[in-house]
Amino acid sequence: PLTKDEEGEDSFGYSLVFEFNENPFFENSIITKSYYYASEVD
């Protein structure tokens, strides 16, 4: 959701959430990667 960051700029974006069953490879059950947009357009 749209919020304000520490500098008062608009902060918003989306997160890609990868959820795994228990496995022999790593300990994590959830890996989250988030992308944030700048307060501008191209």
All heavy atoms as atom14 arrays in JSON, in Angstrom:
{
  "sequence": "PLTKDEEGEDSFGYSLVFEFNENPFFENSIITKSYYYASEVD",
  "atom14_mask": [
    [1, 1, 1, 1, 1, 1, 1, 0, 0, 0, 0, 0, 0, 0],
    [1, 1, 1, 1, 1, 1, 1, 1, 0, 0, 0, 0, 0, 0],
    [1, 1, 1, 1, 1, 1, 1, 0, 0, 0, 0, 0, 0, 0],
    [1, 1, 1, 1, 1, 1, 1, 1, 1, 0, 0, 0, 0, 0],
    [1, 1, 1, 1, 1, 1, 1, 1, 0, 0, 0, 0, 0, 0],
    [1, 1, 1, 1, 1, 1, 1, 1, 1, 0, 0, 0, 0, 0],
    [1, 1, 1, 1, 1, 1, 1, 1, 1, 0, 0, 0, 0, 0],
    [1, 1, 1, 1, 0, 0, 0, 0, 0, 0, 0, 0, 0, 0],
    [1, 1, 1, 1, 1, 1, 1, 1, 1, 0, 0, 0, 0, 0],
    [1, 1, 1, 1, 1, 1, 1, 1, 0, 0, 0, 0, 0, 0],
    [1, 1, 1, 1, 1, 1, 0, 0, 0, 0, 0, 0, 0, 0],
    [1, 1, 1, 1, 1, 1, 1, 1, 1, 1, 1, 0, 0, 0],
    [1, 1, 1, 1, 0, 0, 0, 0, 0, 0, 0, 0, 0, 0],
    [1, 1, 1, 1, 1, 1, 1, 1, 1, 1, 1, 1, 0, 0],
    [1, 1, 1, 1, 1, 1, 0, 0, 0, 0, 0, 0, 0, 0],
    [1, 1, 1, 1, 1, 1, 1, 1, 0, 0, 0, 0, 0, 0],
    [1, 1, 1, 1, 1, 1, 1, 0, 0, 0, 0, 0, 0, 0],
    [1, 1, 1, 1, 1, 1, 1, 1, 1, 1, 1, 0, 0, 0],
    [1, 1, 1, 1, 1, 1, 1, 1, 1, 0, 0, 0, 0, 0],
    [1, 1, 1, 1, 1, 1, 1, 1, 1, 1, 1, 0, 0, 0],
    [1, 1, 1, 1, 1, 1, 1, 1, 0, 0, 0, 0, 0, 0],
    [1, 1, 1, 1, 1, 1, 1, 1, 1, 0, 0, 0, 0, 0],
    [1, 1, 1, 1, 1, 1, 1, 1, 0, 0, 0, 0, 0, 0],
    [1, 1, 1, 1, 1, 1, 1, 0, 0, 0, 0, 0, 0, 0],
    [1, 1, 1, 1, 1, 1, 1, 1, 1, 1, 1, 0, 0, 0],
    [1, 1, 1, 1, 1, 1, 1, 1, 1, 1, 1, 0, 0, 0],
    [1, 1, 1, 1, 1, 1, 1, 1, 1, 0, 0, 0, 0, 0],
    [1, 1, 1, 1, 1, 1, 1, 1, 0, 0, 0, 0, 0, 0],
    [1, 1, 1, 1, 1, 1, 0, 0, 0, 0, 0, 0, 0, 0],
    [1, 1, 1, 1, 1, 1, 1, 1, 0, 0, 0, 0, 0, 0],
    [1, 1, 1, 1, 1, 1, 1, 1, 0, 0, 0, 0, 0, 0],
    [1, 1, 1, 1, 1, 1, 1, 0, 0, 0, 0, 0, 0, 0],
    [1, 1, 1, 1, 1, 1, 1, 1, 1, 0, 0, 0, 0, 0],
    [1, 1, 1, 1, 1, 1, 0, 0, 0, 0, 0, 0, 0, 0],
    [1, 1, 1, 1, 1, 1, 1, 1, 1, 1, 1, 1, 0, 0],
    [1, 1, 1, 1, 1, 1, 1, 1, 1, 1, 1, 1, 0, 0],
    [1, 1, 1, 1, 1, 1, 1, 1, 1, 1, 1, 1, 0, 0],
    [1, 1, 1, 1, 1, 0, 0, 0, 0, 0, 0, 0, 0, 0],
    [1, 1, 1, 1, 1, 1, 0, 0, 0, 0, 0, 0, 0, 0],
    [1, 1, 1, 1, 1, 1, 1, 1, 1, 0, 0, 0, 0, 0],
    [1, 1, 1, 1, 1, 1, 1, 0, 0, 0, 0, 0, 0, 0],
    [1, 1, 1, 1, 1, 1, 1, 1, 0, 0, 0, 0, 0, 0]
  ],
  "atom14_positions": [
    [[0.83, -1.22, 0.0], [0.0, 0.0, 0.0], [0.85, 1.26, 0.0], [2.01, 1.26, 0.42], [-0.81, -0.12, 1.3], [-0.72, -1.56, 1.7], [0.58, -2.05, 1.19], [0.0, 0.0, 0.0], [0.0, 0.0, 0.0], [0.0, 0.0, 0.0], [0.0, 0.0, 0.0], [0.0, 0.0, 0.0], [0.0, 0.0, 0.0], [0.0, 0.0, 0.0]],
    [[0.26, 2.33, -0.46], [0.94, 3.63, -0.53], [1.16, 4.19, 0.87], [0.24, 4.33, 1.67], [0.09, 4.61, -1.36], [0.61, 6.04, -1.46], [1.93, 6.08, -2.22], [-0.43, 6.93, -2.14], [0.0, 0.0, 0.0], [0.0, 0.0, 0.0], [0.0, 0.0, 0.0], [0.0, 0.0, 0.0], [0.0, 0.0, 0.0], [0.0, 0.0, 0.0]],
    [[2.44, 4.48, 1.18], [2.81, 5.12, 2.45], [3.86, 6.19, 2.15], [4.22, 6.42, 1.01], [3.39, 4.09, 3.44], [4.52, 3.43, 2.84], [2.35, 3.05, 3.82], [0.0, 0.0, 0.0], [0.0, 0.0, 0.0], [0.0, 0.0, 0.0], [0.0, 0.0, 0.0], [0.0, 0.0, 0.0], [0.0, 0.0, 0.0], [0.0, 0.0, 0.0]],
    [[4.34, 6.83, 3.2], [5.41, 7.81, 3.06], [6.69, 7.23, 3.69], [6.65, 6.65, 4.78], [5.04, 9.11, 3.77], [3.86, 9.86, 3.15], [4.22, 10.47, 1.81], [3.04, 11.28, 1.25], [3.37, 11.88, -0.08], [0.0, 0.0, 0.0], [0.0, 0.0, 0.0], [0.0, 0.0, 0.0], [0.0, 0.0, 0.0], [0.0, 0.0, 0.0]],
    [[7.81, 7.39, 2.99], [9.06, 6.91, 3.56], [9.65, 7.95, 4.5], [9.03, 8.98, 4.78], [10.04, 6.53, 2.45], [10.39, 7.71, 1.54], [10.17, 8.87, 1.94], [10.9, 7.47, 0.42], [0.0, 0.0, 0.0], [0.0, 0.0, 0.0], [0.0, 0.0, 0.0], [0.0, 0.0, 0.0], [0.0, 0.0, 0.0], [0.0, 0.0, 0.0]],
    [[10.88, 7.7, 4.97], [11.51, 8.61, 5.94], [11.76, 9.99, 5.36], [11.82, 10.98, 6.11], [12.84, 7.99, 6.4], [12.66, 6.69, 7.17], [13.99, 6.07, 7.54], [15.03, 6.62, 7.11], [14.0, 5.06, 8.26], [0.0, 0.0, 0.0], [0.0, 0.0, 0.0], [0.0, 0.0, 0.0], [0.0, 0.0, 0.0], [0.0, 0.0, 0.0]],
    [[11.9, 10.08, 4.05], [12.15, 11.38, 3.41], [10.87, 12.06, 2.97], [10.91, 13.11, 2.33], [13.07, 11.18, 2.21], [14.44, 10.61, 2.58], [15.29, 10.32, 1.36], [14.78, 10.49, 0.23], [16.45, 9.92, 1.53], [0.0, 0.0, 0.0], [0.0, 0.0, 0.0], [0.0, 0.0, 0.0], [0.0, 0.0, 0.0], [0.0, 0.0, 0.0]],
    [[9.73, 11.46, 3.29], [8.45, 12.06, 2.93], [8.0, 11.75, 1.52], [6.99, 12.29, 1.05], [0.0, 0.0, 0.0], [0.0, 0.0, 0.0], [0.0, 0.0, 0.0], [0.0, 0.0, 0.0], [0.0, 0.0, 0.0], [0.0, 0.0, 0.0], [0.0, 0.0, 0.0], [0.0, 0.0, 0.0], [0.0, 0.0, 0.0], [0.0, 0.0, 0.0]],
    [[8.73, 10.87, 0.83], [8.37, 10.5, -0.53], [7.34, 9.37, -0.51], [7.26, 8.58, 0.43], [9.61, 10.05, -1.3], [10.65, 11.14, -1.52], [10.23, 12.12, -2.59], [9.35, 11.77, -3.41], [10.77, 13.25, -2.61], [0.0, 0.0, 0.0], [0.0, 0.0, 0.0], [0.0, 0.0, 0.0], [0.0, 0.0, 0.0], [0.0, 0.0, 0.0]],
    [[6.55, 9.29, -1.6], [5.59, 8.19, -1.73], [6.34, 6.87, -1.84], [7.32, 6.76, -2.61], [4.72, 8.39, -2.97], [3.79, 9.58, -2.83], [3.19, 9.73, -1.76], [3.68, 10.37, -3.79], [0.0, 0.0, 0.0], [0.0, 0.0, 0.0], [0.0, 0.0, 0.0], [0.0, 0.0, 0.0], [0.0, 0.0, 0.0], [0.0, 0.0, 0.0]],
    [[5.91, 5.89, -1.08], [6.53, 4.57, -1.11], [5.45, 3.53, -1.38], [4.48, 3.42, -0.63], [7.23, 4.27, 0.22], [7.78, 2.97, 0.22], [0.0, 0.0, 0.0], [0.0, 0.0, 0.0], [0.0, 0.0, 0.0], [0.0, 0.0, 0.0], [0.0, 0.0, 0.0], [0.0, 0.0, 0.0], [0.0, 0.0, 0.0], [0.0, 0.0, 0.0]],
    [[5.6, 2.79, -2.47], [4.62, 1.77, -2.83], [5.27, 0.8, -3.82], [6.31, 1.09, -4.41], [3.37, 2.39, -3.44], [3.6, 3.15, -4.73], [3.17, 2.63, -5.93], [4.26, 4.37, -4.73], [3.39, 3.31, -7.12], [4.47, 5.07, -5.92], [4.04, 4.54, -7.11], [0.0, 0.0, 0.0], [0.0, 0.0, 0.0], [0.0, 0.0, 0.0]],
    [[4.64, -0.36, -3.99], [5.2, -1.37, -4.88], [4.45, -2.68, -4.74], [3.24, -2.69, -4.48], [0.0, 0.0, 0.0], [0.0, 0.0, 0.0], [0.0, 0.0, 0.0], [0.0, 0.0, 0.0], [0.0, 0.0, 0.0], [0.0, 0.0, 0.0], [0.0, 0.0, 0.0], [0.0, 0.0, 0.0], [0.0, 0.0, 0.0], [0.0, 0.0, 0.0]],
    [[5.17, -3.79, -4.86], [4.55, -5.1, -4.7], [5.6, -6.1, -4.26], [6.82, -5.9, -4.42], [3.9, -5.55, -6.01], [4.86, -5.77, -7.16], [5.45, -7.0, -7.4], [5.17, -4.71, -8.03], [6.32, -7.2, -8.45], [6.03, -4.9, -9.09], [6.61, -6.14, -9.3], [7.48, -6.32, -10.35], [0.0, 0.0, 0.0], [0.0, 0.0, 0.0]],
    [[5.14, -7.2, -3.68], [6.02, -8.28, -3.21], [5.66, -9.57, -3.92], [4.47, -9.9, -4.07], [5.9, -8.47, -1.7], [6.33, -7.33, -0.99], [0.0, 0.0, 0.0], [0.0, 0.0, 0.0], [0.0, 0.0, 0.0], [0.0, 0.0, 0.0], [0.0, 0.0, 0.0], [0.0, 0.0, 0.0], [0.0, 0.0, 0.0], [0.0, 0.0, 0.0]],
    [[6.67, -10.3, -4.35], [6.48, -11.66, -4.86], [6.84, -12.62, -3.74], [7.97, -12.61, -3.24], [7.37, -11.89, -6.08], [7.06, -11.02, -7.31], [8.11, -11.26, -8.4], [5.66, -11.29, -7.84], [0.0, 0.0, 0.0], [0.0, 0.0, 0.0], [0.0, 0.0, 0.0], [0.0, 0.0, 0.0], [0.0, 0.0, 0.0], [0.0, 0.0, 0.0]],
    [[5.88, -13.44, -3.34], [6.06, -14.33, -2.2], [6.11, -15.78, -2.69], [5.15, -16.28, -3.29], [4.91, -14.15, -1.18], [5.14, -15.03, 0.03], [4.78, -12.69, -0.77], [0.0, 0.0, 0.0], [0.0, 0.0, 0.0], [0.0, 0.0, 0.0], [0.0, 0.0, 0.0], [0.0, 0.0, 0.0], [0.0, 0.0, 0.0], [0.0, 0.0, 0.0]],
    [[7.23, -16.44, -2.42], [7.42, -17.85, -2.79], [7.35, -18.68, -1.51], [8.18, -18.53, -0.61], [8.78, -18.05, -3.47], [8.89, -17.39, -4.82], [9.01, -16.01, -4.93], [8.89, -18.15, -5.98], [9.14, -15.4, -6.17], [9.01, -17.55, -7.22], [9.13, -16.17, -7.31], [0.0, 0.0, 0.0], [0.0, 0.0, 0.0], [0.0, 0.0, 0.0]],
    [[6.37, -19.57, -1.45], [6.18, -20.4, -0.26], [6.56, -21.84, -0.57], [6.08, -22.42, -1.56], [4.72, -20.31, 0.21], [4.47, -20.98, 1.53], [3.05, -20.75, 2.04], [2.32, -19.95, 1.43], [2.68, -21.41, 3.04], [0.0, 0.0, 0.0], [0.0, 0.0, 0.0], [0.0, 0.0, 0.0], [0.0, 0.0, 0.0], [0.0, 0.0, 0.0]],
    [[7.4, -22.44, 0.26], [7.92, -23.78, 0.03], [7.47, -24.74, 1.13], [7.31, -24.35, 2.29], [9.45, -23.77, 0.0], [10.03, -23.17, -1.25], [10.17, -21.79, -1.37], [10.44, -23.97, -2.31], [10.71, -21.23, -2.52], [10.98, -23.42, -3.46], [11.12, -22.04, -3.57], [0.0, 0.0, 0.0], [0.0, 0.0, 0.0], [0.0, 0.0, 0.0]],
    [[7.29, -25.99, 0.72], [7.12, -27.06, 1.69], [8.47, -27.34, 2.36], [9.52, -26.94, 1.85], [6.61, -28.33, 1.02], [5.15, -28.22, 0.6], [4.29, -27.88, 1.4], [4.88, -28.5, -0.67], [0.0, 0.0, 0.0], [0.0, 0.0, 0.0], [0.0, 0.0, 0.0], [0.0, 0.0, 0.0], [0.0, 0.0, 0.0], [0.0, 0.0, 0.0]],
    [[8.45, -28.02, 3.47], [9.7, -28.42, 4.12], [10.52, -29.25, 3.14], [10.0, -30.15, 2.48], [9.4, -29.21, 5.39], [10.63, -29.55, 6.19], [10.3, -30.26, 7.49], [9.1, -30.32, 7.85], [11.23, -30.76, 8.15], [0.0, 0.0, 0.0], [0.0, 0.0, 0.0], [0.0, 0.0, 0.0], [0.0, 0.0, 0.0], [0.0, 0.0, 0.0]],
    [[11.8, -28.91, 3.02], [12.62, -29.57, 2.01], [14.05, -29.77, 2.51], [14.46, -29.15, 3.5], [12.62, -28.73, 0.73], [13.24, -27.36, 0.93], [14.46, -27.22, 0.91], [12.4, -26.34, 1.15], [0.0, 0.0, 0.0], [0.0, 0.0, 0.0], [0.0, 0.0, 0.0], [0.0, 0.0, 0.0], [0.0, 0.0, 0.0], [0.0, 0.0, 0.0]],
    [[14.84, -30.61, 1.83], [16.21, -30.89, 2.28], [17.24, -29.86, 1.83], [18.43, -30.04, 2.11], [16.5, -32.26, 1.64], [15.67, -32.26, 0.39], [14.43, -31.49, 0.72], [0.0, 0.0, 0.0], [0.0, 0.0, 0.0], [0.0, 0.0, 0.0], [0.0, 0.0, 0.0], [0.0, 0.0, 0.0], [0.0, 0.0, 0.0], [0.0, 0.0, 0.0]],
    [[16.8, -28.79, 1.15], [17.75, -27.86, 0.55], [18.01, -26.61, 1.38], [19.16, -26.18, 1.51], [17.25, -27.46, -0.85], [17.14, -28.6, -1.8], [15.92, -29.25, -2.01], [18.25, -29.08, -2.48], [15.82, -30.31, -2.87], [18.16, -30.14, -3.36], [16.94, -30.77, -3.55], [0.0, 0.0, 0.0], [0.0, 0.0, 0.0], [0.0, 0.0, 0.0]],
    [[16.97, -25.97, 1.92], [17.17, -24.77, 2.73], [16.15, -24.71, 3.86], [15.16, -25.45, 3.87], [17.11, -23.5, 1.87], [15.89, -23.38, 0.99], [14.66, -23.02, 1.51], [15.97, -23.61, -0.37], [13.54, -22.89, 0.7], [14.86, -23.49, -1.2], [13.65, -23.13, -0.66], [0.0, 0.0, 0.0], [0.0, 0.0, 0.0], [0.0, 0.0, 0.0]],
    [[16.43, -23.8, 4.79], [15.61, -23.7, 6.0], [14.36, -22.85, 5.81], [13.35, -23.06, 6.49], [16.45, -23.1, 7.14], [17.72, -23.88, 7.47], [17.43, -25.22, 8.13], [16.27, -25.46, 8.52], [18.37, -26.03, 8.25], [0.0, 0.0, 0.0], [0.0, 0.0, 0.0], [0.0, 0.0, 0.0], [0.0, 0.0, 0.0], [0.0, 0.0, 0.0]],
    [[14.42, -21.87, 4.9], [13.31, -20.93, 4.73], [12.03, -21.65, 4.31], [12.06, -22.58, 3.51], [13.64, -19.87, 3.67], [15.01, -19.28, 3.83], [16.01, -19.99, 3.88], [15.08, -17.95, 3.88], [0.0, 0.0, 0.0], [0.0, 0.0, 0.0], [0.0, 0.0, 0.0], [0.0, 0.0, 0.0], [0.0, 0.0, 0.0], [0.0, 0.0, 0.0]],
    [[10.91, -21.17, 4.82], [9.62, -21.66, 4.32], [9.02, -20.63, 3.36], [8.23, -20.99, 2.47], [8.66, -21.92, 5.47], [8.43, -20.74, 6.22], [0.0, 0.0, 0.0], [0.0, 0.0, 0.0], [0.0, 0.0, 0.0], [0.0, 0.0, 0.0], [0.0, 0.0, 0.0], [0.0, 0.0, 0.0], [0.0, 0.0, 0.0], [0.0, 0.0, 0.0]],
    [[9.41, -19.36, 3.52], [8.92, -18.29, 2.65], [10.09, -17.41, 2.23], [10.93, -17.02, 3.04], [7.86, -17.43, 3.37], [6.58, -18.25, 3.6], [7.53, -16.18, 2.56], [5.48, -17.5, 4.33], [0.0, 0.0, 0.0], [0.0, 0.0, 0.0], [0.0, 0.0, 0.0], [0.0, 0.0, 0.0], [0.0, 0.0, 0.0], [0.0, 0.0, 0.0]],
    [[10.15, -17.1, 0.93], [11.14, -16.16, 0.39], [10.35, -15.02, -0.26], [9.54, -15.25, -1.16], [12.05, -16.82, -0.66], [12.68, -18.09, -0.08], [13.13, -15.85, -1.12], [13.44, -18.91, -1.12], [0.0, 0.0, 0.0], [0.0, 0.0, 0.0], [0.0, 0.0, 0.0], [0.0, 0.0, 0.0], [0.0, 0.0, 0.0], [0.0, 0.0, 0.0]],
    [[10.59, -13.82, 0.21], [9.85, -12.65, -0.29], [10.79, -11.66, -0.95], [11.79, -11.25, -0.36], [9.1, -11.95, 0.86], [8.22, -12.88, 1.5], [8.29, -10.77, 0.33], [0.0, 0.0, 0.0], [0.0, 0.0, 0.0], [0.0, 0.0, 0.0], [0.0, 0.0, 0.0], [0.0, 0.0, 0.0], [0.0, 0.0, 0.0], [0.0, 0.0, 0.0]],
    [[10.46, -11.29, -2.17], [11.23, -10.29, -2.89], [10.3, -9.13, -3.24], [9.26, -9.34, -3.88], [11.84, -10.87, -4.16], [12.8, -9.91, -4.87], [13.51, -10.6, -6.03], [14.51, -9.66, -6.66], [15.21, -10.3, -7.82], [0.0, 0.0, 0.0], [0.0, 0.0, 0.0], [0.0, 0.0, 0.0], [0.0, 0.0, 0.0], [0.0, 0.0, 0.0]],
    [[10.66, -7.93, -2.8], [9.79, -6.76, -2.96], [10.38, -5.77, -3.96], [11.6, -5.6, -4.03], [9.56, -6.06, -1.62], [8.94, -6.94, -0.7], [0.0, 0.0, 0.0], [0.0, 0.0, 0.0], [0.0, 0.0, 0.0], [0.0, 0.0, 0.0], [0.0, 0.0, 0.0], [0.0, 0.0, 0.0], [0.0, 0.0, 0.0], [0.0, 0.0, 0.0]],
    [[9.5, -5.13, -4.7], [9.88, -4.12, -5.69], [9.19, -2.81, -5.34], [7.97, -2.78, -5.13], [9.47, -4.56, -7.09], [10.27, -5.73, -7.61], [9.92, -7.03, -7.25], [11.37, -5.55, -8.43], [10.65, -8.12, -7.7], [12.11, -6.63, -8.9], [11.74, -7.91, -8.54], [12.47, -8.98, -8.99], [0.0, 0.0, 0.0], [0.0, 0.0, 0.0]],
    [[9.98, -1.73, -5.29], [9.44, -0.42, -4.96], [9.59, 0.52, -6.15], [10.6, 0.48, -6.87], [10.17, 0.15, -3.74], [9.85, -0.58, -2.45], [10.59, -1.7, -2.08], [8.81, -0.17, -1.63], [10.3, -2.4, -0.91], [8.51, -0.86, -0.46], [9.25, -1.97, -0.11], [8.96, -2.66, 1.04], [0.0, 0.0, 0.0], [0.0, 0.0, 0.0]],
    [[8.57, 1.36, -6.3], [8.56, 2.33, -7.4], [9.06, 3.69, -6.93], [8.9, 4.06, -5.76], [7.15, 2.49, -7.97], [6.58, 1.25, -8.61], [5.44, 0.65, -8.11], [7.17, 0.71, -9.75], [4.9, -0.48, -8.71], [6.64, -0.43, -10.36], [5.5, -1.02, -9.84], [4.98, -2.13, -10.43], [0.0, 0.0, 0.0], [0.0, 0.0, 0.0]],
    [[9.63, 4.44, -7.87], [10.04, 5.81, -7.6], [8.83, 6.74, -7.71], [7.8, 6.38, -8.3], [11.12, 6.24, -8.59], [0.0, 0.0, 0.0], [0.0, 0.0, 0.0], [0.0, 0.0, 0.0], [0.0, 0.0, 0.0], [0.0, 0.0, 0.0], [0.0, 0.0, 0.0], [0.0, 0.0, 0.0], [0.0, 0.0, 0.0], [0.0, 0.0, 0.0]],
    [[8.95, 7.93, -7.15], [7.85, 8.9, -7.18], [7.93, 9.71, -8.48], [8.0, 10.95, -8.47], [7.92, 9.83, -5.97], [7.8, 9.11, -4.78], [0.0, 0.0, 0.0], [0.0, 0.0, 0.0], [0.0, 0.0, 0.0], [0.0, 0.0, 0.0], [0.0, 0.0, 0.0], [0.0, 0.0, 0.0], [0.0, 0.0, 0.0], [0.0, 0.0, 0.0]],
    [[7.94, 9.01, -9.59], [8.05, 9.66, -10.89], [7.56, 8.7, -11.95], [7.33, 7.52, -11.68], [9.5, 10.05, -11.17], [10.45, 8.87, -11.14], [11.9, 9.27, -11.27], [12.33, 10.17, -10.54], [12.6, 8.67, -12.09], [0.0, 0.0, 0.0], [0.0, 0.0, 0.0], [0.0, 0.0, 0.0], [0.0, 0.0, 0.0], [0.0, 0.0, 0.0]],
    [[7.39, 9.21, -13.15], [7.02, 8.37, -14.28], [8.08, 8.5, -15.36], [8.85, 9.47, -15.38], [5.64, 8.76, -14.85], [4.54, 8.39, -13.88], [5.58, 10.25, -15.21], [0.0, 0.0, 0.0], [0.0, 0.0, 0.0], [0.0, 0.0, 0.0], [0.0, 0.0, 0.0], [0.0, 0.0, 0.0], [0.0, 0.0, 0.0], [0.0, 0.0, 0.0]],
    [[8.12, 7.52, -16.25], [9.08, 7.58, -17.34], [8.52, 8.39, -18.5], [7.45, 8.99, -18.4], [9.5, 6.17, -17.78], [8.32, 5.35, -18.3], [7.27, 5.94, -18.63], [8.45, 4.12, -18.38], [0.0, 0.0, 0.0], [0.0, 0.0, 0.0], [0.0, 0.0, 0.0], [0.0, 0.0, 0.0], [0.0, 0.0, 0.0], [0.0, 0.0, 0.0]]
  ]
}
